[in-house]
């Protein structure tokens, strides 16, 4: 993960989508208090281009290597279900990371909106889904 040249990275369309998503957050007055990203280069770049605040890297946002030992998923579950703000926690991650948490597999570049709740084992409820900006 130290060398972005060996990874699948964002193309210009992906960069435009990241900037547009950040702009949508600002346009709608979404207060962001924390931005966490997978350490994968395309996620870090997405988070930085959204320009919502300082970006922290977290291994909890990388898919578990073995579904039978979901260590990272459990860490992510704890992180998300414990969030109480006061503002929004933004996670830039992968479909296979968040999918088991919410019971759906998001599309590429799709945003899912969650809130703390008791509607699932994960302690979060799915509020909405936002398609990638055009």
Protein backbone atom coordinates (compact mmCIF):
# COMPACT_ATOMS: atom_id res chain seq x y z
CA UNK A 1 0.00 0.00 0.00
CA UNK A 2 2.98 2.31 0.24
CA UNK A 3 3.29 2.66 -3.53
CA UNK A 4 0.27 4.15 -5.29
CA UNK A 5 1.81 3.24 -8.67
CA UNK A 6 1.07 -0.44 -7.94
CA UNK A 7 -2.63 0.19 -7.17
CA UNK A 8 -5.80 0.90 -9.13
CA UNK A 9 -6.16 4.66 -8.79
CA UNK A 10 -8.78 7.27 -9.55
CA UNK A 11 -9.09 8.47 -13.11
CA UNK A 12 -10.10 12.06 -13.90
CA UNK A 13 -13.81 11.14 -13.73
CA UNK A 14 -13.29 9.70 -10.24
CA UNK A 15 -11.50 12.87 -9.17
CA UNK A 16 -14.35 15.00 -10.51
CA UNK A 17 -16.88 12.83 -8.65
CA UNK A 18 -14.93 13.21 -5.39
CA UNK A 19 -14.81 16.99 -5.72
CA UNK A 20 -18.53 17.11 -6.62
CA UNK A 21 -19.46 14.99 -3.61
CA UNK A 22 -17.53 17.28 -1.28
CA UNK A 23 -19.25 20.27 -2.86
CA UNK A 24 -22.65 18.61 -2.33
CA UNK A 25 -21.86 18.18 1.38
CA UNK A 26 -21.03 21.89 1.63
CA UNK A 27 -24.03 22.98 -0.44
CA UNK A 28 -26.38 21.07 1.86
CA UNK A 29 -24.70 22.36 5.01
CA UNK A 30 -23.51 18.96 6.22
CA UNK A 31 -21.24 19.53 9.21
CA UNK A 32 -18.34 17.10 9.05
CA UNK A 33 -16.35 16.53 12.23
CA UNK A 34 -14.20 13.58 11.19
CA UNK A 35 -13.03 12.03 7.92
CA UNK A 36 -11.63 8.49 7.99
CA UNK A 37 -10.33 6.67 4.93
CA UNK A 38 -9.08 3.28 3.96
CA UNK A 39 -5.29 3.47 3.49
CA UNK A 40 -5.74 2.42 -0.16
CA UNK A 41 -4.53 5.29 -2.36
CA UNK A 42 -7.79 5.80 -4.31
CA UNK A 43 -9.73 6.13 -1.05
CA UNK A 44 -7.24 8.57 0.45
CA UNK A 45 -7.30 10.63 -2.74
CA UNK A 46 -11.11 10.64 -2.75
CA UNK A 47 -11.22 11.81 0.86
CA UNK A 48 -8.68 14.57 0.22
CA UNK A 49 -10.44 15.78 -2.94
CA UNK A 50 -13.75 15.98 -1.07
CA UNK A 51 -12.00 18.66 1.02
CA UNK A 52 -14.16 18.17 4.11
CA UNK A 53 -11.35 18.33 6.66
CA UNK A 54 -8.21 16.48 7.75
CA UNK A 55 -8.15 12.86 6.57
CA UNK A 56 -7.18 10.03 8.93
CA UNK A 57 -6.30 6.56 7.65
CA UNK A 58 -7.83 3.47 9.27
CA UNK A 59 -7.31 -0.23 8.60
CA UNK A 60 -10.85 -0.82 9.89
CA UNK A 61 -11.97 0.46 6.47
CA UNK A 62 -10.17 -2.29 4.52
CA UNK A 63 -12.11 -5.51 3.84
CA UNK A 64 -11.22 -8.44 6.08
CA UNK A 65 -8.99 -10.99 4.39
CA UNK A 66 -11.13 -13.80 5.81
CA UNK A 67 -14.91 -13.58 6.30
CA UNK A 68 -14.66 -16.22 9.03
CA UNK A 69 -12.57 -13.84 11.18
CA UNK A 70 -14.13 -10.39 10.64
CA UNK A 71 -11.76 -8.45 12.90
CA UNK A 72 -11.87 -5.26 10.83
CA UNK A 73 -15.64 -5.50 10.35
CA UNK A 74 -16.13 -5.69 14.11
CA UNK A 75 -13.80 -2.71 14.60
CA UNK A 76 -15.77 -0.76 11.96
CA UNK A 77 -19.06 -1.75 13.61
CA UNK A 78 -17.83 -0.41 16.95
CA UNK A 79 -16.50 2.78 15.38
CA UNK A 80 -19.74 3.57 13.52
CA UNK A 81 -22.22 2.53 16.19
CA UNK A 82 -20.36 4.53 18.86
CA UNK A 83 -20.27 7.78 16.82
CA UNK A 84 -22.29 10.52 18.49
CA UNK A 85 -20.96 13.58 16.70
CA UNK A 86 -21.81 16.33 17.18
CA UNK A 87 -21.30 16.42 13.40
CA UNK A 88 -20.98 13.84 10.67
CA UNK A 89 -18.44 11.03 10.48
CA UNK A 90 -17.38 10.48 6.85
CA UNK A 91 -15.90 7.10 5.95
CA UNK A 92 -14.24 6.58 2.58
CA UNK A 93 -14.05 2.84 2.11
CA UNK A 94 -14.89 -0.11 -0.12
CA UNK A 95 -18.20 -1.81 -0.95
CA UNK A 96 -16.92 -5.08 0.49
CA UNK A 97 -16.10 -3.34 3.76
CA UNK A 98 -19.41 -1.60 4.36
CA UNK A 99 -21.64 -4.21 2.65
CA UNK A 100 -21.66 -6.71 5.54
CA UNK A 101 -22.38 -3.85 7.95
CA UNK A 102 -25.54 -2.70 6.17
CA UNK A 103 -26.71 -5.79 4.31
CA UNK A 104 -26.32 -4.37 0.78
CA UNK A 105 -23.38 -4.03 -1.56
CA UNK A 106 -23.09 -0.39 -2.66
CA UNK A 107 -22.24 0.38 -6.27
CA UNK A 108 -18.87 1.85 -7.19
CA UNK A 109 -18.67 5.50 -6.03
CA UNK A 110 -22.08 5.26 -4.33
CA UNK A 111 -22.55 7.01 -0.98
CA UNK A 112 -24.53 5.36 1.79
CA UNK A 113 -25.92 7.45 4.63
CA UNK A 114 -26.11 5.80 8.04
CA UNK A 115 -27.22 6.88 11.47
CA UNK A 116 -26.70 5.29 14.87
CA UNK A 117 -29.66 3.09 15.67
CA UNK A 118 -30.78 -0.29 16.83
CA UNK A 119 -32.32 -1.56 13.59
CA UNK A 120 -29.54 -4.05 12.90
CA UNK A 121 -26.79 -6.07 14.57
CA UNK A 122 -24.39 -3.33 13.49
CA UNK A 123 -26.01 -0.63 15.61
CA UNK A 124 -26.64 1.57 12.56
CA UNK A 125 -29.59 2.16 10.29
CA UNK A 126 -29.36 2.82 6.57
CA UNK A 127 -30.93 6.24 5.95
CA UNK A 128 -30.29 6.60 2.24
CA UNK A 129 -28.21 5.92 -0.82
CA UNK A 130 -26.73 8.57 -3.10
CA UNK A 131 -25.56 7.67 -6.60
CA UNK A 132 -22.18 8.90 -7.74
CA UNK A 133 -22.27 12.51 -8.96
CA UNK A 134 -22.36 12.80 -12.76
